[in-house]
Amino acid sequence: MFGGLLVGADLFGLGWRSVFLVTAPVALVSLAGATVLPRTRGAAGQRVDGAGVLLTTVGFGALVLPLALGGEEGFRHPMEGYVGLHIVHRAL
């Protein structure tokens, strides 16, 4: 929802640090709003899905890593990393 606002802040030449001018107030409002929500409890015997946590962590890392390290590894465009990721995924 705030992605366009964050990108717009950087497009106006304010730099990446200006992102914090938006995220800090949003975080504070979210925390304040969380205090008025009713507390709920999970079902009895409900456990954390360890395999799901592991797969989600690896999956998000696989999505972010090509963007973060692509330029250092010689990719001209971030999508080159995703093409390689797609090839590996299809091979599995």
C-alpha atoms as a PDB file:
ATOM      1  CA  MET A   1       0.000   0.000   0.000  1.00  0.00           C
ATOM      2  CA  PHE A   2       2.834   2.397   0.789  1.00  0.00           C
ATOM      3  CA  GLY A   3       5.203   1.068  -1.884  1.00  0.00           C
ATOM      4  CA  GLY A   4       4.337   3.802  -4.374  1.00  0.00           C
ATOM      5  CA  LEU A   5       4.869   6.448  -1.724  1.00  0.00           C
ATOM      6  CA  LEU A   6       8.262   5.024  -0.822  1.00  0.00           C
ATOM      7  CA  VAL A   7       9.371   4.874  -4.447  1.00  0.00           C
ATOM      8  CA  GLY A   8       8.059   8.379  -5.012  1.00  0.00           C
ATOM      9  CA  ALA A   9      10.088   9.679  -2.082  1.00  0.00           C
ATOM     10  CA  ASP A  10      13.267   8.365  -3.675  1.00  0.00           C
ATOM     11  CA  LEU A  11      12.317   9.576  -7.149  1.00  0.00           C
ATOM     12  CA  PHE A  12      12.238  13.139  -5.895  1.00  0.00           C
ATOM     13  CA  GLY A  13      15.942  12.859  -5.069  1.00  0.00           C
ATOM     14  CA  LEU A  14      15.578  12.626  -1.313  1.00  0.00           C
ATOM     15  CA  GLY A  15      17.710   9.477  -1.196  1.00  0.00           C
ATOM     16  CA  TRP A  16      17.097   6.087   0.339  1.00  0.00           C
ATOM     17  CA  ARG A  17      17.233   7.455   3.884  1.00  0.00           C
ATOM     18  CA  SER A  18      13.963   9.266   3.235  1.00  0.00           C
ATOM     19  CA  VAL A  19      12.221   5.890   3.325  1.00  0.00           C
ATOM     20  CA  PHE A  20      12.547   6.010   7.113  1.00  0.00           C
ATOM     21  CA  LEU A  21      10.536   9.222   7.185  1.00  0.00           C
ATOM     22  CA  VAL A  22       7.582   7.120   6.027  1.00  0.00           C
ATOM     23  CA  THR A  23       8.225   3.762   7.669  1.00  0.00           C
ATOM     24  CA  ALA A  24       8.865   5.057  11.190  1.00  0.00           C
ATOM     25  CA  PRO A  25       5.454   6.783  11.537  1.00  0.00           C
ATOM     26  CA  VAL A  26       3.691   3.807   9.928  1.00  0.00           C
ATOM     27  CA  ALA A  27       5.381   1.463  12.415  1.00  0.00           C
ATOM     28  CA  LEU A  28       4.412   3.666  15.357  1.00  0.00           C
ATOM     29  CA  VAL A  29       0.779   3.873  14.233  1.00  0.00           C
ATOM     30  CA  SER A  30       0.724   0.095  13.728  1.00  0.00           C
ATOM     31  CA  LEU A  31       2.100  -0.549  17.206  1.00  0.00           C
ATOM     32  CA  ALA A  32      -0.373   1.883  18.731  1.00  0.00           C
ATOM     33  CA  GLY A  33      -3.223   0.217  16.841  1.00  0.00           C
ATOM     34  CA  ALA A  34      -2.120  -3.208  18.006  1.00  0.00           C
ATOM     35  CA  THR A  35      -2.676  -2.214  21.615  1.00  0.00           C
ATOM     36  CA  VAL A  36      -6.428  -1.778  21.070  1.00  0.00           C
ATOM     37  CA  LEU A  37      -6.973  -5.113  19.292  1.00  0.00           C
ATOM     38  CA  PRO A  38      -8.528  -7.913  21.356  1.00  0.00           C
ATOM     39  CA  ARG A  39      -6.200 -10.713  22.382  1.00  0.00           C
ATOM     40  CA  THR A  40      -6.880 -14.139  20.934  1.00  0.00           C
ATOM     41  CA  ARG A  41      -5.436 -17.526  21.702  1.00  0.00           C
ATOM     42  CA  GLY A  42      -4.542 -20.249  19.252  1.00  0.00           C
ATOM     43  CA  ALA A  43      -6.160 -23.653  19.239  1.00  0.00           C
ATOM     44  CA  ALA A  44      -5.051 -26.025  21.966  1.00  0.00           C
ATOM     45  CA  GLY A  45      -2.074 -28.088  20.887  1.00  0.00           C
ATOM     46  CA  GLN A  46      -1.316 -25.855  17.926  1.00  0.00           C
ATOM     47  CA  ARG A  47       2.357 -26.033  16.964  1.00  0.00           C
ATOM     48  CA  VAL A  48       4.693 -24.011  14.780  1.00  0.00           C
ATOM     49  CA  ASP A  49       5.144 -25.434  11.295  1.00  0.00           C
ATOM     50  CA  GLY A  50       8.939 -25.747  11.271  1.00  0.00           C
ATOM     51  CA  ALA A  51       9.128 -26.971   7.675  1.00  0.00           C
ATOM     52  CA  GLY A  52       6.965 -24.055   6.542  1.00  0.00           C
ATOM     53  CA  VAL A  53       9.157 -21.553   8.382  1.00  0.00           C
ATOM     54  CA  LEU A  54      12.294 -23.043   6.819  1.00  0.00           C
ATOM     55  CA  LEU A  55      10.849 -23.131   3.298  1.00  0.00           C
ATOM     56  CA  THR A  56       9.527 -19.575   3.587  1.00  0.00           C
ATOM     57  CA  THR A  57      12.905 -18.300   4.778  1.00  0.00           C
ATOM     58  CA  VAL A  58      14.760 -20.047   1.961  1.00  0.00           C
ATOM     59  CA  GLY A  59      12.171 -18.926  -0.596  1.00  0.00           C
ATOM     60  CA  PHE A  60      12.292 -15.256   0.357  1.00  0.00           C
ATOM     61  CA  GLY A  61      16.079 -15.413   0.445  1.00  0.00           C
ATOM     62  CA  ALA A  62      16.088 -16.884  -3.055  1.00  0.00           C
ATOM     63  CA  LEU A  63      13.890 -14.024  -4.262  1.00  0.00           C
ATOM     64  CA  VAL A  64      15.913 -11.241  -2.636  1.00  0.00           C
ATOM     65  CA  LEU A  65      19.452 -12.534  -3.199  1.00  0.00           C
ATOM     66  CA  PRO A  66      19.558 -11.948  -6.991  1.00  0.00           C
ATOM     67  CA  LEU A  67      18.466  -8.349  -6.465  1.00  0.00           C
ATOM     68  CA  ALA A  68      20.923  -7.729  -3.650  1.00  0.00           C
ATOM     69  CA  LEU A  69      24.014  -9.352  -5.157  1.00  0.00           C
ATOM     70  CA  GLY A  70      23.250  -9.339  -8.868  1.00  0.00           C
ATOM     71  CA  GLY A  71      25.296  -6.241  -9.668  1.00  0.00           C
ATOM     72  CA  GLU A  72      28.319  -7.524  -7.779  1.00  0.00           C
ATOM     73  CA  GLU A  73      28.164 -10.848  -9.608  1.00  0.00           C
ATOM     74  CA  GLY A  74      28.159  -9.200 -13.022  1.00  0.00           C
ATOM     75  CA  PHE A  75      24.466  -9.348 -13.887  1.00  0.00           C
ATOM     76  CA  ARG A  76      23.539  -6.397 -16.075  1.00  0.00           C
ATOM     77  CA  HIS A  77      19.915  -6.603 -14.985  1.00  0.00           C
ATOM     78  CA  PRO A  78      18.329  -8.146 -11.856  1.00  0.00           C
ATOM     79  CA  MET A  79      16.112 -10.356 -14.012  1.00  0.00           C
ATOM     80  CA  GLU A  80      19.179 -12.321 -15.103  1.00  0.00           C
ATOM     81  CA  GLY A  81      19.405 -13.698 -11.585  1.00  0.00           C
ATOM     82  CA  TYR A  82      15.747 -14.660 -11.658  1.00  0.00           C
ATOM     83  CA  VAL A  83      16.192 -16.450 -14.967  1.00  0.00           C
ATOM     84  CA  GLY A  84      18.970 -18.500 -13.384  1.00  0.00           C
ATOM     85  CA  LEU A  85      16.788 -19.164 -10.355  1.00  0.00           C
ATOM     86  CA  HIS A  86      13.967 -20.274 -12.639  1.00  0.00           C
ATOM     87  CA  ILE A  87      16.268 -22.689 -14.478  1.00  0.00           C
ATOM     88  CA  VAL A  88      17.389 -24.235 -11.176  1.00  0.00           C
ATOM     89  CA  HIS A  89      13.783 -24.457  -9.997  1.00  0.00           C
ATOM     90  CA  ARG A  90      12.717 -26.250 -13.189  1.00  0.00           C
ATOM     91  CA  ALA A  91      15.632 -28.655 -12.851  1.00  0.00           C
ATOM     92  CA  LEU A  92      14.425 -29.700  -9.407  1.00  0.00           C
END
